[in-house]
Amino acid sequence: MGNIITLYHGSEKIIEKPEFGKGKAHNDFGLGFYCTESEELAKEWGCSSLKNGFANKYTLDTENLKILRLNSEEYTILNWIAILVQHRLFRIKTPIAGRAKKYLMENFYVNVNAYDAIIGYRADDSYFDYADLFLNNGITVEQLAKAMRLGKLGEQFVIKSEYAFSLLHYEGVAEAEREKYYILRKARNDDAEQTYQKMSVEQADGIYMADIIRGEIKNGDARIPRNIP
């Protein structure tokens, strides 16, 4: 046997056969099946305020998969941001944001469609705001990296290619009670919001998006925090 891992997908539905090519194009890494290796985290993701959710369980043989490990030392926080810029809908609120998007795409983008799967940060709505604020020159790259580390959102494992989908095997499902897991999810979001509000009004020393463009900072620059979980 190869390298078998266990993955969980949080949802309001039981999904026995994930389908290649389905889903939302504006997710963090584009179209794909978004999972985590944490059953507890998947239960949070699957719960809404109105009803229980599910943590769908799968196994995947990764031995022959080409995996983009964004949290490895090879990549920086700006590689992750560039991928978000490509796939998520950012609010271009300032002149710097338009230039920032272009600069990040030209210097830090990684083609996620060249891989079978991706491992990286999860930018749920709360933490997506941090990325948005950075793009609009509101926080430093150091603040952004710190926020992602402290967010404790865990890594997400995204199935991208049709080949990877063919290796994903359904193993069952566990119900997630909203009375427990929605409360945990909300507490995480509330904490993120409080930190965000504090960070958005404070001035910090460090490298802002405008500095990156003006200084023509590239991917190998040691001043840019690496995506190490």
Protein backbone atom coordinates (compact mmCIF):
# COMPACT_ATOMS: atom_id res chain seq x y z
CA MET A 1 0.00 0.00 0.00
CA GLY A 2 1.01 3.60 -0.48
CA ASN A 3 0.82 6.56 1.83
CA ILE A 4 -2.76 6.42 3.06
CA ILE A 5 -4.11 9.46 4.87
CA THR A 6 -7.53 10.13 6.41
CA LEU A 7 -9.41 13.27 5.46
CA TYR A 8 -12.67 14.86 6.61
CA HIS A 9 -15.03 17.18 4.76
CA GLY A 10 -17.38 19.33 6.82
CA SER A 11 -20.79 19.81 5.23
CA GLU A 12 -24.50 20.08 5.88
CA LYS A 13 -24.81 17.00 3.63
CA ILE A 14 -23.56 13.44 3.50
CA ILE A 15 -21.26 13.21 0.47
CA GLU A 16 -20.39 9.65 -0.46
CA LYS A 17 -18.95 10.44 -3.88
CA PRO A 18 -17.31 13.84 -4.33
CA GLU A 19 -17.50 14.95 -7.97
CA PHE A 20 -14.62 16.41 -9.94
CA GLY A 21 -15.36 19.84 -11.43
CA LYS A 22 -18.13 20.70 -8.96
CA GLY A 23 -18.08 23.34 -6.26
CA LYS A 24 -17.40 27.07 -6.00
CA ALA A 25 -14.79 28.60 -8.28
CA HIS A 26 -14.13 31.43 -5.79
CA ASN A 27 -12.83 29.24 -2.97
CA ASP A 28 -9.28 29.78 -1.69
CA PHE A 29 -7.60 27.54 -4.26
CA GLY A 30 -10.30 27.48 -6.93
CA LEU A 31 -12.42 24.47 -7.79
CA GLY A 32 -11.71 21.45 -5.63
CA PHE A 33 -12.88 19.31 -2.73
CA TYR A 34 -11.86 21.00 0.53
CA CYS A 35 -10.92 18.73 3.44
CA THR A 36 -8.97 18.66 6.68
CA GLU A 37 -7.14 15.95 8.58
CA SER A 38 -8.97 17.05 11.75
CA GLU A 39 -12.40 15.51 12.35
CA GLU A 40 -13.17 18.13 15.02
CA LEU A 41 -12.40 21.00 12.65
CA ALA A 42 -14.51 19.42 9.91
CA LYS A 43 -17.42 19.27 12.34
CA GLU A 44 -17.09 23.00 12.96
CA TRP A 45 -17.03 23.70 9.23
CA GLY A 46 -20.14 21.58 8.72
CA CYS A 47 -22.33 23.23 11.35
CA SER A 48 -24.61 26.19 10.84
CA SER A 49 -26.60 28.04 13.47
CA LEU A 50 -29.79 26.31 12.37
CA LYS A 51 -28.99 22.62 12.06
CA ASN A 52 -26.47 19.89 12.68
CA GLY A 53 -23.76 19.12 10.18
CA PHE A 54 -21.58 16.21 9.17
CA ALA A 55 -17.91 15.28 9.04
CA ASN A 56 -17.62 13.03 5.99
CA LYS A 57 -14.64 10.69 6.27
CA TYR A 58 -12.38 9.56 3.41
CA THR A 59 -9.08 7.82 2.82
CA LEU A 60 -6.64 8.88 0.12
CA ASP A 61 -3.49 7.22 -1.21
CA THR A 62 -1.05 10.10 -1.74
CA GLU A 63 1.93 8.07 -2.94
CA ASN A 64 1.70 9.08 -6.60
CA LEU A 65 0.10 12.48 -6.15
CA LYS A 66 1.79 15.75 -7.01
CA ILE A 67 1.06 17.85 -3.92
CA LEU A 68 1.62 21.59 -3.51
CA ARG A 69 2.63 22.07 0.12
CA LEU A 70 2.16 25.80 0.56
CA ASN A 71 3.09 25.68 4.23
CA SER A 72 6.52 24.27 3.47
CA GLU A 73 9.67 26.37 3.81
CA GLU A 74 9.81 26.72 0.04
CA TYR A 75 6.95 29.23 0.02
CA THR A 76 6.13 32.54 1.69
CA ILE A 77 2.95 34.08 3.01
CA LEU A 78 2.83 36.10 -0.22
CA ASN A 79 2.54 32.97 -2.36
CA TRP A 80 -0.58 32.14 -0.40
CA ILE A 81 -1.92 35.69 -0.81
CA ALA A 82 -1.28 35.63 -4.56
CA ILE A 83 -3.30 32.43 -4.90
CA LEU A 84 -6.15 33.97 -2.90
CA VAL A 85 -6.05 37.05 -5.14
CA GLN A 86 -6.47 34.82 -8.18
CA HIS A 87 -9.46 32.89 -6.83
CA ARG A 88 -11.27 34.89 -4.14
CA LEU A 89 -13.17 38.13 -4.69
CA PHE A 90 -11.21 41.00 -3.14
CA ARG A 91 -12.56 44.48 -2.61
CA ILE A 92 -10.28 46.91 -4.42
CA LYS A 93 -10.84 49.83 -2.06
CA THR A 94 -7.65 51.82 -2.62
CA PRO A 95 -5.37 52.62 -5.58
CA ILE A 96 -2.64 50.50 -3.99
CA ALA A 97 -4.87 47.42 -4.06
CA GLY A 98 -5.07 47.32 -7.84
CA ARG A 99 -1.30 47.60 -8.14
CA ALA A 100 -0.88 45.05 -5.34
CA LYS A 101 -2.98 42.45 -7.13
CA LYS A 102 -0.97 42.86 -10.33
CA TYR A 103 2.37 42.74 -8.50
CA LEU A 104 1.48 39.65 -6.48
CA MET A 105 0.25 37.78 -9.55
CA GLU A 106 3.42 38.60 -11.48
CA ASN A 107 5.89 37.76 -8.72
CA PHE A 108 4.32 35.32 -6.24
CA TYR A 109 1.57 33.32 -7.96
CA VAL A 110 1.81 29.51 -8.03
CA ASN A 111 -0.26 27.63 -10.61
CA VAL A 112 -2.42 25.41 -8.38
CA ASN A 113 -3.95 23.62 -11.37
CA ALA A 114 -0.60 21.96 -12.05
CA TYR A 115 -1.06 19.84 -8.88
CA ASP A 116 -3.25 16.93 -7.82
CA ALA A 117 -3.76 18.36 -4.34
CA ILE A 118 -2.86 21.37 -2.20
CA ILE A 119 -2.05 21.78 1.48
CA GLY A 120 -2.29 25.29 2.87
CA TYR A 121 -3.95 27.78 5.18
CA ARG A 122 -7.71 28.05 5.22
CA ALA A 123 -8.96 31.62 4.75
CA ASP A 124 -12.47 31.42 6.13
CA ASP A 125 -14.47 34.65 6.12
CA SER A 126 -12.95 35.94 9.34
CA TYR A 127 -9.35 35.48 8.29
CA PHE A 128 -10.00 36.46 4.68
CA ASP A 129 -10.53 39.98 6.06
CA TYR A 130 -6.88 40.03 7.15
CA ALA A 131 -5.74 39.24 3.62
CA ASP A 132 -8.06 41.93 2.28
CA LEU A 133 -6.66 44.50 4.73
CA PHE A 134 -3.08 43.62 3.77
CA LEU A 135 -3.84 43.99 0.07
CA ASN A 136 -5.23 47.46 0.77
CA ASN A 137 -2.05 48.46 2.67
CA GLY A 138 -3.75 48.35 6.08
CA ILE A 139 -1.45 45.89 7.90
CA THR A 140 2.12 44.70 7.48
CA VAL A 141 3.17 41.34 6.08
CA GLU A 142 4.46 40.47 9.56
CA GLN A 143 1.03 41.19 11.08
CA LEU A 144 -0.61 39.08 8.41
CA ALA A 145 1.68 36.12 9.07
CA LYS A 146 1.13 36.41 12.83
CA ALA A 147 -2.66 36.51 12.40
CA MET A 148 -2.63 33.34 10.30
CA ARG A 149 -0.42 31.50 12.81
CA LEU A 150 -2.55 32.54 15.77
CA GLY A 151 -5.83 31.79 13.98
CA LYS A 152 -5.54 28.06 14.67
CA LEU A 153 -7.68 27.37 11.63
CA GLY A 154 -5.57 24.38 10.77
CA GLU A 155 -4.47 23.29 7.33
CA GLN A 156 -6.85 22.36 4.57
CA PHE A 157 -6.16 19.57 2.11
CA VAL A 158 -7.73 20.30 -1.26
CA ILE A 159 -8.34 17.61 -3.87
CA LYS A 160 -7.79 19.24 -7.27
CA SER A 161 -7.23 16.78 -10.11
CA GLU A 162 -9.55 14.17 -11.57
CA TYR A 163 -6.90 11.58 -10.78
CA ALA A 164 -6.86 12.55 -7.10
CA PHE A 165 -10.66 12.39 -6.98
CA SER A 166 -10.48 8.82 -8.31
CA LEU A 167 -8.31 7.81 -5.33
CA LEU A 168 -10.64 9.31 -2.69
CA HIS A 169 -12.63 6.59 -0.87
CA TYR A 170 -15.62 7.27 1.35
CA GLU A 171 -15.35 5.66 4.80
CA GLY A 172 -18.45 6.92 6.60
CA VAL A 173 -19.78 9.99 8.39
CA ALA A 174 -20.04 11.45 11.89
CA GLU A 175 -22.76 13.90 12.89
CA ALA A 176 -21.76 17.28 14.28
CA GLU A 177 -24.16 18.70 16.88
CA ARG A 178 -24.76 22.40 16.34
CA GLU A 179 -25.10 22.98 20.10
CA LYS A 180 -21.40 22.17 20.44
CA TYR A 181 -19.70 22.79 17.12
CA TYR A 182 -21.46 25.94 15.99
CA ILE A 183 -20.53 27.51 19.33
CA LEU A 184 -16.87 26.56 18.75
CA ARG A 185 -17.02 27.92 15.22
CA LYS A 186 -18.59 31.17 16.35
CA ALA A 187 -16.06 31.62 19.17
CA ARG A 188 -13.22 31.25 16.68
CA ASN A 189 -14.82 33.82 14.38
CA ASP A 190 -15.52 36.25 17.23
CA ASP A 191 -11.91 36.04 18.38
CA ALA A 192 -10.72 36.70 14.84
CA GLU A 193 -13.02 39.71 14.54
CA GLN A 194 -11.80 41.25 17.80
CA THR A 195 -8.17 40.82 16.81
CA TYR A 196 -8.91 42.19 13.35
CA GLN A 197 -10.56 45.33 14.70
CA LYS A 198 -7.57 46.00 16.96
CA MET A 199 -5.05 45.34 14.22
CA SER A 200 -6.87 47.47 11.64
CA VAL A 201 -6.43 50.69 13.63
CA GLU A 202 -2.92 50.26 14.97
CA GLN A 203 0.20 51.43 13.18
CA ALA A 204 2.96 48.84 13.09
CA ASP A 205 6.58 48.81 12.01
CA GLY A 206 7.22 46.39 9.21
CA ILE A 207 6.71 45.84 5.52
CA TYR A 208 3.45 47.03 3.95
CA MET A 209 2.19 46.14 0.49
CA ALA A 210 3.32 49.53 -0.81
CA ASP A 211 6.84 48.80 0.47
CA ILE A 212 6.87 45.46 -1.35
CA ILE A 213 5.95 47.11 -4.65
CA ARG A 214 8.23 50.11 -4.20
CA GLY A 215 11.18 47.94 -3.15
CA GLU A 216 10.48 45.34 -5.86
CA ILE A 217 10.63 42.61 -3.22
CA LYS A 218 10.63 39.13 -4.72
CA ASN A 219 9.89 35.64 -3.45
CA GLY A 220 13.38 34.87 -2.19
CA ASP A 221 13.61 37.91 0.08
CA ALA A 222 14.39 36.82 3.65
CA ARG A 223 12.20 39.56 5.11
CA ILE A 224 9.00 37.86 3.93
CA PRO A 225 7.65 35.33 6.48
CA ARG A 226 7.61 31.74 5.33
CA ASN A 227 4.44 29.64 5.38
CA ILE A 228 5.55 27.32 8.18
CA PRO A 229 2.54 26.08 10.21
